[in-house]
Amino acid sequence: MADSYTLKTLRLTITQDGPPKIYEGFAVEASITKPGLPEKNSAKVKIWGLKYEDMASLTMLAFRPLEARHNLLEIEAGDIRWPSAGY
């Protein structure tokens, strides 16, 4: 019998100046909007349980609004695959 509900996972890949960092298995809340022109696409992402060093590197300071940081955020969602229990 197929299950109606499955556990979901989100994998975030964040690319800044160096190699990409992959975050998976964290509690994540993501809200993505794609309204179309003239508005731009946006994402609001909250990640719980990150190390302090990671939080500091991902934080953009509000008092430098014109500083350009070319970051790339990739959000992937999928089912968690569990081994079959034989039911």
PDB file of N, CA and C in Angstrom:
ATOM      1  N   MET A   1       0.842  -1.175   0.000  1.00  0.00           N
ATOM      2  CA  MET A   1       0.000   0.000   0.000  1.00  0.00           C
ATOM      3  C   MET A   1       0.893   1.245   0.000  1.00  0.00           C
ATOM      4  N   ALA A   2       0.581   2.175  -0.854  1.00  0.00           N
ATOM      5  CA  ALA A   2       1.375   3.410  -0.942  1.00  0.00           C
ATOM      6  C   ALA A   2       1.024   4.338   0.212  1.00  0.00           C
ATOM      7  N   ASP A   3       2.027   4.994   0.742  1.00  0.00           N
ATOM      8  CA  ASP A   3       1.814   5.949   1.819  1.00  0.00           C
ATOM      9  C   ASP A   3       1.286   7.254   1.257  1.00  0.00           C
ATOM     10  N   SER A   4       0.351   7.869   1.991  1.00  0.00           N
ATOM     11  CA  SER A   4      -0.190   9.160   1.577  1.00  0.00           C
ATOM     12  C   SER A   4       0.766  10.288   1.890  1.00  0.00           C
ATOM     13  N   TYR A   5       1.505  10.140   2.976  1.00  0.00           N
ATOM     14  CA  TYR A   5       2.400  11.199   3.414  1.00  0.00           C
ATOM     15  C   TYR A   5       3.814  10.646   3.516  1.00  0.00           C
ATOM     16  N   THR A   6       4.766  11.485   3.186  1.00  0.00           N
ATOM     17  CA  THR A   6       6.171  11.109   3.324  1.00  0.00           C
ATOM     18  C   THR A   6       6.909  12.248   4.012  1.00  0.00           C
ATOM     19  N   LEU A   7       8.010  11.898   4.656  1.00  0.00           N
ATOM     20  CA  LEU A   7       8.855  12.929   5.236  1.00  0.00           C
ATOM     21  C   LEU A   7       9.582  13.651   4.111  1.00  0.00           C
ATOM     22  N   LYS A   8       9.724  14.946   4.253  1.00  0.00           N
ATOM     23  CA  LYS A   8      10.378  15.770   3.237  1.00  0.00           C
ATOM     24  C   LYS A   8      11.709  16.287   3.756  1.00  0.00           C
ATOM     25  N   THR A   9      12.583  16.592   2.841  1.00  0.00           N
ATOM     26  CA  THR A   9      13.860  17.190   3.189  1.00  0.00           C
ATOM     27  C   THR A   9      14.139  18.347   2.241  1.00  0.00           C
ATOM     28  N   LEU A  10      14.854  19.330   2.740  1.00  0.00           N
ATOM     29  CA  LEU A  10      15.306  20.445   1.921  1.00  0.00           C
ATOM     30  C   LEU A  10      16.823  20.456   1.942  1.00  0.00           C
ATOM     31  N   ARG A  11      17.420  20.613   0.775  1.00  0.00           N
ATOM     32  CA  ARG A  11      18.871  20.761   0.678  1.00  0.00           C
ATOM     33  C   ARG A  11      19.154  22.145   0.116  1.00  0.00           C
ATOM     34  N   LEU A  12      19.953  22.914   0.844  1.00  0.00           N
ATOM     35  CA  LEU A  12      20.326  24.258   0.420  1.00  0.00           C
ATOM     36  C   LEU A  12      21.787  24.242  -0.008  1.00  0.00           C
ATOM     37  N   THR A  13      22.050  24.754  -1.192  1.00  0.00           N
ATOM     38  CA  THR A  13      23.416  24.914  -1.674  1.00  0.00           C
ATOM     39  C   THR A  13      23.657  26.406  -1.825  1.00  0.00           C
ATOM     40  N   ILE A  14      24.614  26.929  -1.069  1.00  0.00           N
ATOM     41  CA  ILE A  14      24.899  28.357  -1.076  1.00  0.00           C
ATOM     42  C   ILE A  14      26.312  28.558  -1.606  1.00  0.00           C
ATOM     43  N   THR A  15      26.413  29.329  -2.691  1.00  0.00           N
ATOM     44  CA  THR A  15      27.707  29.621  -3.289  1.00  0.00           C
ATOM     45  C   THR A  15      28.007  31.089  -3.075  1.00  0.00           C
ATOM     46  N   GLN A  16      29.127  31.363  -2.414  1.00  0.00           N
ATOM     47  CA  GLN A  16      29.582  32.734  -2.215  1.00  0.00           C
ATOM     48  C   GLN A  16      30.891  32.888  -2.966  1.00  0.00           C
ATOM     49  N   ASP A  17      31.876  33.450  -2.339  1.00  0.00           N
ATOM     50  CA  ASP A  17      33.158  33.677  -2.995  1.00  0.00           C
ATOM     51  C   ASP A  17      33.945  32.383  -3.211  1.00  0.00           C
ATOM     52  N   GLY A  18      33.816  31.430  -2.331  1.00  0.00           N
ATOM     53  CA  GLY A  18      34.595  30.194  -2.406  1.00  0.00           C
ATOM     54  C   GLY A  18      33.764  29.028  -2.910  1.00  0.00           C
ATOM     55  N   PRO A  19      34.126  27.826  -2.489  1.00  0.00           N
ATOM     56  CA  PRO A  19      33.369  26.638  -2.908  1.00  0.00           C
ATOM     57  C   PRO A  19      31.970  26.630  -2.280  1.00  0.00           C
ATOM     58  N   PRO A  20      31.017  25.972  -2.931  1.00  0.00           N
ATOM     59  CA  PRO A  20      29.642  25.948  -2.392  1.00  0.00           C
ATOM     60  C   PRO A  20      29.564  25.187  -1.069  1.00  0.00           C
ATOM     61  N   LYS A  21      28.642  25.631  -0.216  1.00  0.00           N
ATOM     62  CA  LYS A  21      28.366  24.944   1.044  1.00  0.00           C
ATOM     63  C   LYS A  21      26.983  24.321   0.929  1.00  0.00           C
ATOM     64  N   ILE A  22      26.875  23.057   1.344  1.00  0.00           N
ATOM     65  CA  ILE A  22      25.612  22.333   1.255  1.00  0.00           C
ATOM     66  C   ILE A  22      25.093  22.100   2.668  1.00  0.00           C
ATOM     67  N   TYR A  23      23.832  22.468   2.887  1.00  0.00           N
ATOM     68  CA  TYR A  23      23.179  22.297   4.183  1.00  0.00           C
ATOM     69  C   TYR A  23      21.977  21.385   3.980  1.00  0.00           C
ATOM     70  N   GLU A  24      21.985  20.239   4.648  1.00  0.00           N
ATOM     71  CA  GLU A  24      20.874  19.301   4.564  1.00  0.00           C
ATOM     72  C   GLU A  24      20.662  18.686   5.935  1.00  0.00           C
ATOM     73  N   GLY A  25      19.419  18.418   6.278  1.00  0.00           N
ATOM     74  CA  GLY A  25      19.107  17.824   7.573  1.00  0.00           C
ATOM     75  C   GLY A  25      18.817  18.846   8.654  1.00  0.00           C
ATOM     76  N   PHE A  26      18.809  20.120   8.303  1.00  0.00           N
ATOM     77  CA  PHE A  26      18.489  21.181   9.249  1.00  0.00           C
ATOM     78  C   PHE A  26      16.997  21.495   9.163  1.00  0.00           C
ATOM     79  N   ALA A  27      16.461  22.062  10.239  1.00  0.00           N
ATOM     80  CA  ALA A  27      15.100  22.583  10.189  1.00  0.00           C
ATOM     81  C   ALA A  27      15.138  23.853   9.342  1.00  0.00           C
ATOM     82  N   VAL A  28      14.315  23.892   8.297  1.00  0.00           N
ATOM     83  CA  VAL A  28      14.345  24.999   7.338  1.00  0.00           C
ATOM     84  C   VAL A  28      12.927  25.472   7.064  1.00  0.00           C
ATOM     85  N   GLU A  29      12.791  26.781   6.963  1.00  0.00           N
ATOM     86  CA  GLU A  29      11.534  27.388   6.517  1.00  0.00           C
ATOM     87  C   GLU A  29      11.891  28.260   5.314  1.00  0.00           C
ATOM     88  N   ALA A  30      11.233  28.025   4.180  1.00  0.00           N
ATOM     89  CA  ALA A  30      11.537  28.780   2.969  1.00  0.00           C
ATOM     90  C   ALA A  30      10.257  29.309   2.349  1.00  0.00           C
ATOM     91  N   SER A  31      10.280  30.569   1.981  1.00  0.00           N
ATOM     92  CA  SER A  31       9.160  31.210   1.290  1.00  0.00           C
ATOM     93  C   SER A  31       9.715  31.840   0.011  1.00  0.00           C
ATOM     94  N   ILE A  32       9.257  31.358  -1.135  1.00  0.00           N
ATOM     95  CA  ILE A  32       9.773  31.808  -2.425  1.00  0.00           C
ATOM     96  C   ILE A  32       8.657  32.499  -3.183  1.00  0.00           C
ATOM     97  N   THR A  33       8.966  33.694  -3.710  1.00  0.00           N
ATOM     98  CA  THR A  33       7.973  34.422  -4.513  1.00  0.00           C
ATOM     99  C   THR A  33       8.565  34.713  -5.884  1.00  0.00           C
ATOM    100  N   LYS A  34       7.744  34.522  -6.917  1.00  0.00           N
ATOM    101  CA  LYS A  34       8.131  34.806  -8.299  1.00  0.00           C
ATOM    102  C   LYS A  34       6.998  35.599  -8.939  1.00  0.00           C
ATOM    103  N   PRO A  35       6.908  36.897  -8.629  1.00  0.00           N
ATOM    104  CA  PRO A  35       5.753  37.673  -9.064  1.00  0.00           C
ATOM    105  C   PRO A  35       5.762  38.073 -10.538  1.00  0.00           C
ATOM    106  N   GLY A  36       6.886  38.041 -11.196  1.00  0.00           N
ATOM    107  CA  GLY A  36       6.969  38.518 -12.581  1.00  0.00           C
ATOM    108  C   GLY A  36       7.350  39.985 -12.618  1.00  0.00           C
ATOM    109  N   LEU A  37       7.664  40.458 -13.812  1.00  0.00           N
ATOM    110  CA  LEU A  37       8.126  41.842 -13.972  1.00  0.00           C
ATOM    111  C   LEU A  37       7.050  42.831 -13.588  1.00  0.00           C
ATOM    112  N   PRO A  38       7.373  43.972 -13.054  1.00  0.00           N
ATOM    113  CA  PRO A  38       8.690  44.547 -12.806  1.00  0.00           C
ATOM    114  C   PRO A  38       9.313  44.086 -11.495  1.00  0.00           C
ATOM    115  N   GLU A  39       8.584  43.331 -10.676  1.00  0.00           N
ATOM    116  CA  GLU A  39       9.142  42.831  -9.413  1.00  0.00           C
ATOM    117  C   GLU A  39      10.148  41.723  -9.690  1.00  0.00           C
ATOM    118  N   LYS A  40      11.113  41.576  -8.793  1.00  0.00           N
ATOM    119  CA  LYS A  40      12.113  40.521  -8.934  1.00  0.00           C
ATOM    120  C   LYS A  40      11.751  39.336  -8.052  1.00  0.00           C
ATOM    121  N   ASN A  41      12.273  38.173  -8.408  1.00  0.00           N
ATOM    122  CA  ASN A  41      12.074  36.980  -7.595  1.00  0.00           C
ATOM    123  C   ASN A  41      12.791  37.161  -6.258  1.00  0.00           C
ATOM    124  N   SER A  42      12.242  36.538  -5.224  1.00  0.00           N
ATOM    125  CA  SER A  42      12.876  36.647  -3.913  1.00  0.00           C
ATOM    126  C   SER A  42      12.629  35.373  -3.112  1.00  0.00           C
ATOM    127  N   ALA A  43      13.465  35.188  -2.109  1.00  0.00           N
ATOM    128  CA  ALA A  43      13.323  34.047  -1.202  1.00  0.00           C
ATOM    129  C   ALA A  43      13.649  34.515   0.203  1.00  0.00           C
ATOM    130  N   LYS A  44      12.860  34.053   1.137  1.00  0.00           N
ATOM    131  CA  LYS A  44      13.111  34.300   2.554  1.00  0.00           C
ATOM    132  C   LYS A  44      13.337  32.925   3.177  1.00  0.00           C
ATOM    133  N   VAL A  45      14.553  32.687   3.677  1.00  0.00           N
ATOM    134  CA  VAL A  45      14.932  31.365   4.163  1.00  0.00           C
ATOM    135  C   VAL A  45      15.411  31.474   5.602  1.00  0.00           C
ATOM    136  N   LYS A  46      14.898  30.600   6.457  1.00  0.00           N
ATOM    137  CA  LYS A  46      15.347  30.501   7.846  1.00  0.00           C
ATOM    138  C   LYS A  46      15.904  29.097   8.045  1.00  0.00           C
ATOM    139  N   ILE A  47      17.109  29.036   8.631  1.00  0.00           N
ATOM    140  CA  ILE A  47      17.753  27.746   8.905  1.00  0.00           C
ATOM    141  C   ILE A  47      18.078  27.697  10.393  1.00  0.00           C
ATOM    142  N   TRP A  48      17.626  26.653  11.067  1.00  0.00           N
ATOM    143  CA  TRP A  48      17.902  26.492  12.488  1.00  0.00           C
ATOM    144  C   TRP A  48      19.012  25.469  12.675  1.00  0.00           C
ATOM    145  N   GLY A  49      19.940  25.771  13.597  1.00  0.00           N
ATOM    146  CA  GLY A  49      20.976  24.824  13.969  1.00  0.00           C
ATOM    147  C   GLY A  49      22.314  25.022  13.287  1.00  0.00           C
ATOM    148  N   LEU A  50      22.515  26.146  12.602  1.00  0.00           N
ATOM    149  CA  LEU A  50      23.803  26.395  11.952  1.00  0.00           C
ATOM    150  C   LEU A  50      24.875  26.765  12.966  1.00  0.00           C
ATOM    151  N   LYS A  51      26.117  26.509  12.618  1.00  0.00           N
ATOM    152  CA  LYS A  51      27.235  26.950  13.437  1.00  0.00           C
ATOM    153  C   LYS A  51      27.335  28.471  13.363  1.00  0.00           C
ATOM    154  N   TYR A  52      27.899  29.061  14.398  1.00  0.00           N
ATOM    155  CA  TYR A  52      28.049  30.515  14.447  1.00  0.00           C
ATOM    156  C   TYR A  52      28.875  31.030  13.269  1.00  0.00           C
ATOM    157  N   GLU A  53      29.941  30.320  12.898  1.00  0.00           N
ATOM    158  CA  GLU A  53      30.808  30.746  11.804  1.00  0.00           C
ATOM    159  C   GLU A  53      30.042  30.789  10.482  1.00  0.00           C
ATOM    160  N   ASP A  54      29.167  29.799  10.260  1.00  0.00           N
ATOM    161  CA  ASP A  54      28.361  29.787   9.033  1.00  0.00           C
ATOM    162  C   ASP A  54      27.359  30.932   9.024  1.00  0.00           C
ATOM    163  N   MET A  55      26.730  31.190  10.168  1.00  0.00           N
ATOM    164  CA  MET A  55      25.779  32.303  10.241  1.00  0.00           C
ATOM    165  C   MET A  55      26.468  33.627   9.950  1.00  0.00           C
ATOM    166  N   ALA A  56      27.648  33.810  10.504  1.00  0.00           N
ATOM    167  CA  ALA A  56      28.380  35.061  10.296  1.00  0.00           C
ATOM    168  C   ALA A  56      28.762  35.242   8.834  1.00  0.00           C
ATOM    169  N   SER A  57      29.149  34.166   8.153  1.00  0.00           N
ATOM    170  CA  SER A  57      29.563  34.292   6.758  1.00  0.00           C
ATOM    171  C   SER A  57      28.374  34.538   5.834  1.00  0.00           C
ATOM    172  N   LEU A  58      27.173  34.113   6.229  1.00  0.00           N
ATOM    173  CA  LEU A  58      25.989  34.280   5.383  1.00  0.00           C
ATOM    174  C   LEU A  58      25.231  35.573   5.656  1.00  0.00           C
ATOM    175  N   THR A  59      25.569  36.266   6.728  1.00  0.00           N
ATOM    176  CA  THR A  59      24.844  37.467   7.102  1.00  0.00           C
ATOM    177  C   THR A  59      25.254  38.637   6.222  1.00  0.00           C
ATOM    178  N   MET A  60      24.256  39.358   5.694  1.00  0.00           N
ATOM    179  CA  MET A  60      24.521  40.574   4.922  1.00  0.00           C
ATOM    180  C   MET A  60      24.173  41.759   5.802  1.00  0.00           C
ATOM    181  N   LEU A  61      25.109  42.644   5.980  1.00  0.00           N
ATOM    182  CA  LEU A  61      24.898  43.773   6.876  1.00  0.00           C
ATOM    183  C   LEU A  61      24.021  44.828   6.220  1.00  0.00           C
ATOM    184  N   ALA A  62      23.017  45.299   6.949  1.00  0.00           N
ATOM    185  CA  ALA A  62      22.052  46.247   6.399  1.00  0.00           C
ATOM    186  C   ALA A  62      22.645  47.627   6.170  1.00  0.00           C
ATOM    187  N   PHE A  63      23.724  47.978   6.871  1.00  0.00           N
ATOM    188  CA  PHE A  63      24.264  49.313   6.688  1.00  0.00           C
ATOM    189  C   PHE A  63      25.222  49.388   5.497  1.00  0.00           C
ATOM    190  N   ARG A  64      25.318  48.339   4.688  1.00  0.00           N
ATOM    191  CA  ARG A  64      26.073  48.350   3.430  1.00  0.00           C
ATOM    192  C   ARG A  64      25.136  47.949   2.285  1.00  0.00           C
ATOM    193  N   PRO A  65      24.052  48.689   2.059  1.00  0.00           N
ATOM    194  CA  PRO A  65      23.048  48.250   1.091  1.00  0.00           C
ATOM    195  C   PRO A  65      23.526  48.249  -0.354  1.00  0.00           C
ATOM    196  N   LEU A  66      24.545  49.024  -0.688  1.00  0.00           N
ATOM    197  CA  LEU A  66      25.005  49.090  -2.071  1.00  0.00           C
ATOM    198  C   LEU A  66      26.171  48.149  -2.362  1.00  0.00           C
ATOM    199  N   GLU A  67      26.624  47.429  -1.346  1.00  0.00           N
ATOM    200  CA  GLU A  67      27.713  46.486  -1.551  1.00  0.00           C
ATOM    201  C   GLU A  67      27.163  45.253  -2.273  1.00  0.00           C
ATOM    202  N   ALA A  68      27.738  44.959  -3.409  1.00  0.00           N
ATOM    203  CA  ALA A  68      27.255  43.832  -4.213  1.00  0.00           C
ATOM    204  C   ALA A  68      27.951  42.547  -3.788  1.00  0.00           C
ATOM    205  N   ARG A  69      27.156  41.555  -3.435  1.00  0.00           N
ATOM    206  CA  ARG A  69      27.671  40.218  -3.154  1.00  0.00           C
ATOM    207  C   ARG A  69      26.915  39.270  -4.062  1.00  0.00           C
ATOM    208  N   HIS A  70      27.620  38.652  -4.960  1.00  0.00           N
ATOM    209  CA  HIS A  70      26.982  37.765  -5.930  1.00  0.00           C
ATOM    210  C   HIS A  70      26.900  36.358  -5.352  1.00  0.00           C
ATOM    211  N   ASN A  71      25.865  36.137  -4.574  1.00  0.00           N
ATOM    212  CA  ASN A  71      25.631  34.845  -3.951  1.00  0.00           C
ATOM    213  C   ASN A  71      24.609  34.073  -4.767  1.00  0.00           C
ATOM    214  N   LEU A  72      24.702  32.774  -4.735  1.00  0.00           N
ATOM    215  CA  LEU A  72      23.749  31.915  -5.416  1.00  0.00           C
ATOM    216  C   LEU A  72      23.158  30.964  -4.392  1.00  0.00           C
ATOM    217  N   LEU A  73      21.828  30.889  -4.344  1.00  0.00           N
ATOM    218  CA  LEU A  73      21.123  30.001  -3.420  1.00  0.00           C
ATOM    219  C   LEU A  73      20.299  29.027  -4.242  1.00  0.00           C
ATOM    220  N   GLU A  74      20.553  27.739  -4.047  1.00  0.00           N
ATOM    221  CA  GLU A  74      19.786  26.695  -4.718  1.00  0.00           C
ATOM    222  C   GLU A  74      19.032  25.921  -3.648  1.00  0.00           C
ATOM    223  N   ILE A  75      17.716  25.797  -3.822  1.00  0.00           N
ATOM    224  CA  ILE A  75      16.873  25.086  -2.859  1.00  0.00           C
ATOM    225  C   ILE A  75      16.304  23.865  -3.562  1.00  0.00           C
ATOM    226  N   GLU A  76      16.573  22.675  -3.002  1.00  0.00           N
ATOM    227  CA  GLU A  76      16.047  21.431  -3.551  1.00  0.00           C
ATOM    228  C   GLU A  76      15.160  20.777  -2.496  1.00  0.00           C
ATOM    229  N   ALA A  77      14.012  20.288  -2.916  1.00  0.00           N
ATOM    230  CA  ALA A  77      13.077  19.626  -2.005  1.00  0.00           C
ATOM    231  C   ALA A  77      12.802  18.215  -2.518  1.00  0.00           C
ATOM    232  N   GLY A  78      12.639  17.293  -1.580  1.00  0.00           N
ATOM    233  CA  GLY A  78      12.345  15.923  -1.981  1.00  0.00           C
ATOM    234  C   GLY A  78      11.919  15.080  -0.803  1.00  0.00           C
ATOM    235  N   ASP A  79      11.612  13.823  -1.104  1.00  0.00           N
ATOM    236  CA  ASP A  79      11.209  12.860  -0.080  1.00  0.00           C
ATOM    237  C   ASP A  79      12.436  12.255   0.570  1.00  0.00           C
ATOM    238  N   ILE A  80      12.299  11.902   1.830  1.00  0.00           N
ATOM    239  CA  ILE A  80      13.334  11.141   2.529  1.00  0.00           C
ATOM    240  C   ILE A  80      13.042   9.668   2.230  1.00  0.00           C
ATOM    241  N   ARG A  81      14.019   8.990   1.728  1.00  0.00           N
ATOM    242  CA  ARG A  81      13.859   7.571   1.391  1.00  0.00           C
ATOM    243  C   ARG A  81      14.277   6.712   2.575  1.00  0.00           C
ATOM    244  N   TRP A  82      13.355   5.927   3.100  1.00  0.00           N
ATOM    245  CA  TRP A  82      13.643   5.039   4.224  1.00  0.00           C
ATOM    246  C   TRP A  82      13.709   3.616   3.681  1.00  0.00           C
ATOM    247  N   PRO A  83      14.540   2.784   4.287  1.00  0.00           N
ATOM    248  CA  PRO A  83      14.556   1.362   3.864  1.00  0.00           C
ATOM    249  C   PRO A  83      13.196   0.724   4.104  1.00  0.00           C
ATOM    250  N   SER A  84      12.815  -0.165   3.244  1.00  0.00           N
ATOM    251  CA  SER A  84      11.515  -0.833   3.356  1.00  0.00           C
ATOM    252  C   SER A  84      11.454  -1.666   4.632  1.00  0.00           C
ATOM    253  N   ALA A  85      10.338  -1.531   5.350  1.00  0.00           N
ATOM    254  CA  ALA A  85      10.157  -2.279   6.592  1.00  0.00           C
ATOM    255  C   ALA A  85       9.511  -3.636   6.334  1.00  0.00           C
ATOM    256  N   GLY A  86       9.140  -3.907   5.070  1.00  0.00           N
ATOM    257  CA  GLY A  86       8.573  -5.203   4.733  1.00  0.00           C
ATOM    258  C   GLY A  86       7.096  -5.337   5.053  1.00  0.00           C
ATOM    259  N   TYR A  87       6.386  -4.238   5.178  1.00  0.00           N
ATOM    260  CA  TYR A  87       4.943  -4.324   5.481  1.00  0.00           C
ATOM    261  C   TYR A  87       4.156  -4.597   4.237  1.00  0.00           C
TER     262      TYR A  87
END
